[in-house]
Protein backbone atom coordinates (compact mmCIF):
# COMPACT_ATOMS: atom_id res chain seq x y z
CA MET A 1 13.07 -15.85 -0.53
CA GLN A 2 15.01 -17.83 2.00
CA GLU A 3 18.08 -19.59 0.94
CA GLY A 4 17.99 -23.72 1.67
CA ASN A 5 14.51 -23.88 0.63
CA PRO A 6 13.67 -25.27 -2.58
CA SER A 7 10.88 -27.73 -1.29
CA VAL A 8 7.92 -25.38 -1.62
CA LEU A 9 9.17 -24.09 -4.93
CA TRP A 10 9.72 -27.55 -6.35
CA ASP A 11 6.66 -29.19 -4.77
CA LEU A 12 4.77 -26.63 -6.36
CA LEU A 13 6.42 -26.89 -9.95
CA LYS A 14 5.32 -30.84 -9.67
CA LEU A 15 1.66 -30.31 -9.28
CA GLU A 16 -0.31 -31.60 -12.00
CA ILE A 17 -1.83 -28.82 -13.12
CA PRO A 18 -4.17 -29.12 -16.04
CA LYS A 19 -2.93 -28.03 -19.60
CA SER A 20 -6.48 -25.90 -19.81
CA ALA A 21 -5.65 -24.12 -16.75
CA ALA A 22 -5.04 -19.71 -17.34
CA ASP A 23 -1.79 -18.33 -16.84
CA LEU A 24 -2.38 -17.38 -13.49
CA ILE A 25 -3.40 -19.32 -10.36
CA VAL A 26 -4.09 -17.86 -7.11
CA ILE A 27 -3.35 -19.29 -4.04
CA VAL A 28 -5.02 -17.56 -1.33
CA CYS A 29 -3.69 -17.15 2.27
CA SER A 30 -5.39 -18.26 4.90
CA GLU A 31 -3.38 -16.98 7.43
CA CYS A 32 -3.82 -13.45 6.04
CA GLY A 33 -7.14 -13.91 3.57
CA ASN A 34 -4.84 -12.39 0.90
CA PRO A 35 -4.31 -13.49 -2.37
CA TYR A 36 -1.10 -13.93 -4.44
CA PRO A 37 -0.40 -15.18 -7.70
CA ILE A 38 1.97 -18.40 -8.39
CA LEU A 39 2.77 -18.44 -12.12
CA ASP A 40 2.62 -21.36 -14.73
CA TYR A 41 5.12 -19.01 -16.31
CA LEU A 42 7.55 -20.91 -14.18
CA LYS A 43 7.13 -24.05 -16.41
CA ARG A 44 7.22 -21.97 -19.12
CA GLU A 45 10.32 -21.76 -21.97
CA GLY A 46 11.57 -18.30 -22.89
CA LEU A 47 9.98 -16.91 -19.50
CA ARG A 48 11.62 -13.35 -19.21
CA GLU A 49 14.04 -12.75 -16.03
CA PHE A 50 12.01 -10.32 -14.72
CA GLU A 51 8.59 -12.28 -14.85
CA ARG A 52 10.70 -15.47 -13.03
CA GLU A 53 11.53 -12.97 -10.11
CA ARG A 54 8.37 -11.83 -9.72
CA ALA A 55 6.81 -15.55 -9.74
CA LEU A 56 9.32 -16.28 -7.50
CA ARG A 57 8.48 -13.62 -4.97
CA THR A 58 4.99 -14.13 -4.50
CA LEU A 59 5.84 -17.20 -2.85
CA GLU A 60 8.39 -15.85 -0.14
CA HIS A 61 5.12 -14.65 1.80
CA ILE A 62 3.94 -17.94 2.27
CA ILE A 63 7.14 -19.07 3.32
CA VAL A 64 7.55 -16.51 5.63
CA HIS A 65 4.08 -17.81 7.15
CA LEU A 66 5.36 -21.88 7.41
CA GLY A 67 9.11 -21.65 7.72
CA VAL A 68 11.69 -23.52 5.92
CA ASN A 69 10.94 -26.97 5.54
CA ALA A 70 7.54 -26.45 4.56
CA ARG A 71 6.23 -28.72 1.64
CA VAL A 72 2.66 -28.64 -0.33
CA GLU A 73 -0.02 -31.74 0.11
CA PRO A 74 -2.67 -32.03 -2.42
CA LEU A 75 -5.35 -33.08 -0.82
CA ILE A 76 -8.22 -32.72 -2.94
CA ARG A 77 -9.07 -32.06 -6.72
CA ILE A 78 -12.72 -30.46 -7.40
CA TYR A 79 -14.19 -31.05 -10.19
CA ASN A 80 -15.00 -27.29 -11.80
CA ASN A 81 -19.03 -27.40 -11.64
CA GLY A 82 -18.62 -27.48 -8.18
CA SER A 83 -22.53 -28.98 -7.80
CA PHE A 84 -22.18 -31.47 -4.50
CA SER A 85 -25.64 -33.29 -5.30
CA GLU A 86 -25.33 -37.28 -4.13
CA GLY A 87 -22.24 -38.82 -5.26
CA ALA A 88 -21.14 -35.71 -6.92
CA ARG A 89 -18.25 -35.10 -4.39
CA GLU A 90 -16.93 -38.72 -5.35
CA LYS A 91 -16.90 -37.89 -8.85
CA ALA A 92 -15.66 -34.10 -7.84
CA GLU A 93 -12.86 -35.71 -5.45
CA ALA A 94 -11.53 -38.37 -8.40
CA ALA A 95 -11.93 -35.68 -11.26
CA LEU A 96 -8.58 -34.83 -13.36
CA GLU A 97 -9.77 -32.00 -14.76
CA GLY A 98 -10.52 -29.26 -12.21
CA ALA A 99 -10.69 -26.17 -12.08
CA LEU A 100 -10.24 -25.42 -7.86
CA TYR A 101 -7.62 -27.31 -5.81
CA VAL A 102 -7.38 -27.79 -2.52
CA PHE A 103 -3.61 -28.16 -0.46
CA LYS A 104 -2.81 -28.47 3.07
CA ILE A 105 0.82 -26.66 3.23
CA THR A 106 2.77 -27.69 6.65
CA GLY A 107 5.44 -26.24 7.73
CA ASP A 108 7.67 -25.57 10.62
CA LYS A 109 5.20 -23.49 12.09
CA ASP A 110 1.36 -24.41 12.59
CA SER A 111 -0.16 -25.86 9.80
CA VAL A 112 -1.73 -23.13 6.92
CA GLY A 113 -4.72 -24.20 4.51
CA ALA A 114 -4.42 -22.75 1.01
CA LEU A 115 -7.17 -22.65 -1.28
CA LEU A 116 -5.70 -22.71 -4.85
CA LEU A 117 -8.73 -20.78 -6.97
CA HIS A 118 -8.87 -21.06 -11.01
CA PRO A 119 -9.32 -17.29 -12.19
CA ALA A 120 -12.28 -18.66 -15.01
CA ALA A 121 -13.89 -20.84 -11.67
CA PRO A 122 -17.57 -20.23 -11.47
CA GLU A 123 -18.59 -19.08 -8.25
CA SER A 124 -20.57 -21.97 -7.29
CA ALA A 125 -17.84 -24.13 -7.46
CA LYS A 126 -15.63 -21.40 -4.97
CA LEU A 127 -18.31 -21.28 -3.05
CA ALA A 128 -18.64 -25.51 -2.61
CA ALA A 129 -14.84 -25.48 -2.00
CA ILE A 130 -14.53 -23.18 0.57
CA ASN A 131 -17.93 -25.03 2.33
CA LEU A 132 -15.67 -28.27 2.13
CA CYS A 133 -12.60 -26.88 3.45
CA ARG A 134 -14.59 -25.67 6.64
CA GLU A 135 -15.78 -29.44 6.83
CA LYS A 136 -12.40 -30.63 6.55
CA GLY A 137 -11.08 -28.33 9.43
CA TRP A 138 -8.44 -26.83 6.67
CA LEU A 139 -9.81 -23.44 5.84
CA GLU A 140 -11.89 -20.47 7.08
CA PRO A 141 -13.76 -18.95 4.77
CA LEU A 142 -12.51 -15.68 3.14
CA GLU A 143 -14.19 -12.61 3.30
CA SER A 144 -13.35 -11.80 -0.28
CA LEU A 145 -14.72 -15.11 -1.69
CA LYS A 146 -18.26 -14.65 0.16
CA GLY A 147 -21.08 -14.15 -1.94
CA LYS A 148 -24.14 -15.18 -3.41
CA ARG A 149 -24.07 -17.97 -6.00
CA GLY A 150 -23.41 -17.16 -9.74
CA ASN A 151 -22.69 -13.63 -8.70
CA GLY A 152 -19.36 -13.79 -11.32
CA ARG A 153 -17.30 -12.19 -8.10
CA ARG A 154 -13.77 -13.17 -8.77
CA VAL A 155 -10.26 -12.78 -6.53
CA LEU A 156 -8.04 -10.16 -8.45
CA SER A 157 -4.28 -10.77 -8.20
CA GLU A 158 -1.41 -8.78 -7.09
CA ALA A 159 -0.13 -9.77 -10.17
CA ALA A 160 -2.88 -9.13 -12.22
CA ARG A 161 -3.55 -5.57 -11.04
CA ALA A 162 0.25 -5.05 -11.70
CA ARG A 163 -0.11 -6.32 -15.50
CA LYS A 164 -2.94 -3.71 -15.97
CA ALA A 165 -0.94 -0.75 -14.46
CA ILE A 166 1.94 -1.68 -16.41
CA LYS A 167 -0.17 -2.12 -19.37
CA SER A 168 -1.74 1.15 -19.24
CA ARG A 169 1.50 2.89 -18.00
CA SER A 170 3.27 1.19 -21.40
CA LEU A 171 0.33 2.69 -23.57
CA LEU A 172 0.69 6.27 -22.70
CA GLU A 173 3.72 6.39 -23.15
CA MET A 174 3.69 4.78 -26.27
CA ARG A 175 0.76 7.77 -27.13
CA ASP A 176 3.41 10.54 -25.69
CA ALA A 177 6.29 9.07 -27.49
CA LYS A 178 3.77 8.99 -30.89
CA GLY A 179 2.72 12.61 -29.93
CA GLU A 180 6.30 14.09 -30.08
CA ARG A 181 7.04 11.97 -33.22
CA GLY A 182 4.18 13.41 -35.48
CA ARG A 183 5.04 17.33 -33.50
CA ARG A 184 8.54 16.91 -35.06
CA MET A 185 7.52 15.80 -38.72
CA HIS A 186 4.35 18.23 -38.67
CA PRO A 187 5.47 21.20 -36.90
CA PRO A 188 2.30 23.68 -35.81
CA SER A 189 0.81 26.08 -37.99
CA GLY A 190 1.06 29.49 -36.61
CA ALA A 191 -2.63 29.63 -36.16
CA SER A 192 -2.59 26.61 -34.24
CA GLN A 193 0.41 27.48 -32.06
CA ARG A 194 -1.24 30.93 -30.83
CA ALA A 195 -3.64 28.96 -29.91
CA ALA A 196 -1.36 26.61 -27.98
CA ASP A 197 0.41 29.71 -26.65
CA GLY A 198 -3.17 31.08 -25.43
CA ALA A 199 -3.30 33.62 -27.70
CA PRO A 200 -6.90 34.38 -29.36
CA LEU A 201 -7.41 33.44 -33.13
CA ARG A 202 -7.74 36.60 -34.86
CA GLY A 203 -11.06 36.04 -37.00
CA ARG A 204 -11.95 32.93 -39.38
CA VAL A 205 -9.38 31.30 -41.10
CA GLN A 206 -10.29 31.37 -45.01
CA ARG A 207 -9.31 28.84 -47.89
CA ALA A 208 -7.87 29.95 -50.98
CA PRO A 209 -10.70 28.57 -53.65
CA ARG A 210 -9.88 25.77 -55.17
CA LYS A 211 -8.02 25.65 -58.54
CA ARG A 212 -10.55 24.21 -61.37
């Protein structure tokens, strides 16, 4: 993160994100079209240091685009039903609880619109937000968000993919460690050791008759 630029982080932390929001909220940069996670972890207590550093690093890309005096202006809150029938737009904009937020981020360079998405928001709400952004001239539609209504497509953030990879790697390491521990406690028998070495098994292993 650039030095002397606490304003973006501070403005993001001041946003009134509803308590019902998921842990992970994603900013989609309208300049490059890539999703970047802004973690609600930043506001939590007991946050591990590597998580905080990872969350802060996600701001660097947007800061580079905007310059050192960037600030975030909340413009509209869209109610999560995403339906814009007659009168629904006003209700959507005034709703305190919302799944989608639209912000205009202004910096030293040209203004850059950013669409803040709740991961669990329905596709219809995403499309409604994109259409509203186009009407206002804030945001061009993003390829990753185009699609038919209700098809359930979601933007996977880099952090979500990273967490999944870390979890998979941890599970593999745990399984390997458990297997190694088991092999130390229960050394292989002669037959299984010969099979592991590639030697053919010599006939069928006969068990001794059980004593009555």
